[in-house]
Amino acid sequence: MTDHTKIAMTPRERFMQLAQEQMSEFERRETEFRKKERKEREAALHLPFPVDELH
């Protein structure tokens, strides 16, 4: 009975939902990439401590 009470999404709402999901996924991948790149630079520079502890 509660299945029929949900209002259908408009095409714009569906588009915005998909855009938000894609942006969230992109941001997650970008964050992971930056972490990996930071660790690689840290290893290449032979830093004795994590860069995160500098701030």
C-alpha atoms as a PDB file:
ATOM      1  CA  MET A   1       0.000   0.000   0.000  1.00  0.00           C
ATOM      2  CA  THR A   2       2.832   2.454   0.751  1.00  0.00           C
ATOM      3  CA  ASP A   3       4.413   1.701  -2.648  1.00  0.00           C
ATOM      4  CA  HIS A   4       1.755   3.780  -4.397  1.00  0.00           C
ATOM      5  CA  THR A   5       2.065   6.843  -2.146  1.00  0.00           C
ATOM      6  CA  LYS A   6       5.519   7.793  -3.474  1.00  0.00           C
ATOM      7  CA  ILE A   7       5.439  10.669  -5.979  1.00  0.00           C
ATOM      8  CA  ALA A   8       7.168   9.993  -9.300  1.00  0.00           C
ATOM      9  CA  MET A   9      10.309  11.980 -10.025  1.00  0.00           C
ATOM     10  CA  THR A  10      10.286  14.547 -12.776  1.00  0.00           C
ATOM     11  CA  PRO A  11      12.903  14.212 -15.522  1.00  0.00           C
ATOM     12  CA  ARG A  12      14.773  17.172 -14.010  1.00  0.00           C
ATOM     13  CA  GLU A  13      14.771  15.605 -10.530  1.00  0.00           C
ATOM     14  CA  ARG A  14      16.055  12.325 -11.972  1.00  0.00           C
ATOM     15  CA  PHE A  15      18.761  14.182 -13.900  1.00  0.00           C
ATOM     16  CA  MET A  16      19.828  16.086 -10.768  1.00  0.00           C
ATOM     17  CA  GLN A  17      19.912  12.874  -8.739  1.00  0.00           C
ATOM     18  CA  LEU A  18      22.106  11.148 -11.332  1.00  0.00           C
ATOM     19  CA  ALA A  19      24.363  14.201 -11.596  1.00  0.00           C
ATOM     20  CA  GLN A  20      24.793  14.271  -7.797  1.00  0.00           C
ATOM     21  CA  GLU A  21      25.600  10.545  -7.708  1.00  0.00           C
ATOM     22  CA  GLN A  22      28.193  10.931 -10.454  1.00  0.00           C
ATOM     23  CA  MET A  23      29.739  13.965  -8.754  1.00  0.00           C
ATOM     24  CA  SER A  24      29.981  12.093  -5.459  1.00  0.00           C
ATOM     25  CA  GLU A  25      31.671   9.151  -7.186  1.00  0.00           C
ATOM     26  CA  PHE A  26      34.093  11.488  -8.982  1.00  0.00           C
ATOM     27  CA  GLU A  27      34.966  13.255  -5.715  1.00  0.00           C
ATOM     28  CA  ARG A  28      35.609   9.909  -4.011  1.00  0.00           C
ATOM     29  CA  ARG A  29      37.911   8.765  -6.835  1.00  0.00           C
ATOM     30  CA  GLU A  30      39.694  12.134  -6.867  1.00  0.00           C
ATOM     31  CA  THR A  31      40.305  11.964  -3.116  1.00  0.00           C
ATOM     32  CA  GLU A  32      41.693   8.445  -3.398  1.00  0.00           C
ATOM     33  CA  PHE A  33      43.933   9.542  -6.281  1.00  0.00           C
ATOM     34  CA  ARG A  34      45.284  12.493  -4.277  1.00  0.00           C
ATOM     35  CA  LYS A  35      46.016  10.244  -1.278  1.00  0.00           C
ATOM     36  CA  LYS A  36      47.864   7.761  -3.492  1.00  0.00           C
ATOM     37  CA  GLU A  37      49.825  10.507  -5.241  1.00  0.00           C
ATOM     38  CA  ARG A  38      50.753  12.108  -1.896  1.00  0.00           C
ATOM     39  CA  LYS A  39      52.076   8.791  -0.589  1.00  0.00           C
ATOM     40  CA  GLU A  40      54.097   8.254  -3.767  1.00  0.00           C
ATOM     41  CA  ARG A  41      55.653  11.730  -3.493  1.00  0.00           C
ATOM     42  CA  GLU A  42      56.343  11.140   0.188  1.00  0.00           C
ATOM     43  CA  ALA A  43      58.140   7.900  -0.641  1.00  0.00           C
ATOM     44  CA  ALA A  44      60.088   9.537  -3.477  1.00  0.00           C
ATOM     45  CA  LEU A  45      61.233  12.364  -1.197  1.00  0.00           C
ATOM     46  CA  HIS A  46      62.020   9.949   1.646  1.00  0.00           C
ATOM     47  CA  LEU A  47      60.133  12.022   4.170  1.00  0.00           C
ATOM     48  CA  PRO A  48      60.513  10.637   7.699  1.00  0.00           C
ATOM     49  CA  PHE A  49      56.959  11.529   8.707  1.00  0.00           C
ATOM     50  CA  PRO A  50      53.516  11.651   7.048  1.00  0.00           C
ATOM     51  CA  VAL A  51      52.705  14.934   5.313  1.00  0.00           C
ATOM     52  CA  ASP A  52      49.330  15.000   7.145  1.00  0.00           C
ATOM     53  CA  GLU A  53      51.147  15.642  10.422  1.00  0.00           C
ATOM     54  CA  LEU A  54      52.645  18.885   9.152  1.00  0.00           C
ATOM     55  CA  HIS A  55      49.367  20.798   9.316  1.00  0.00           C
END
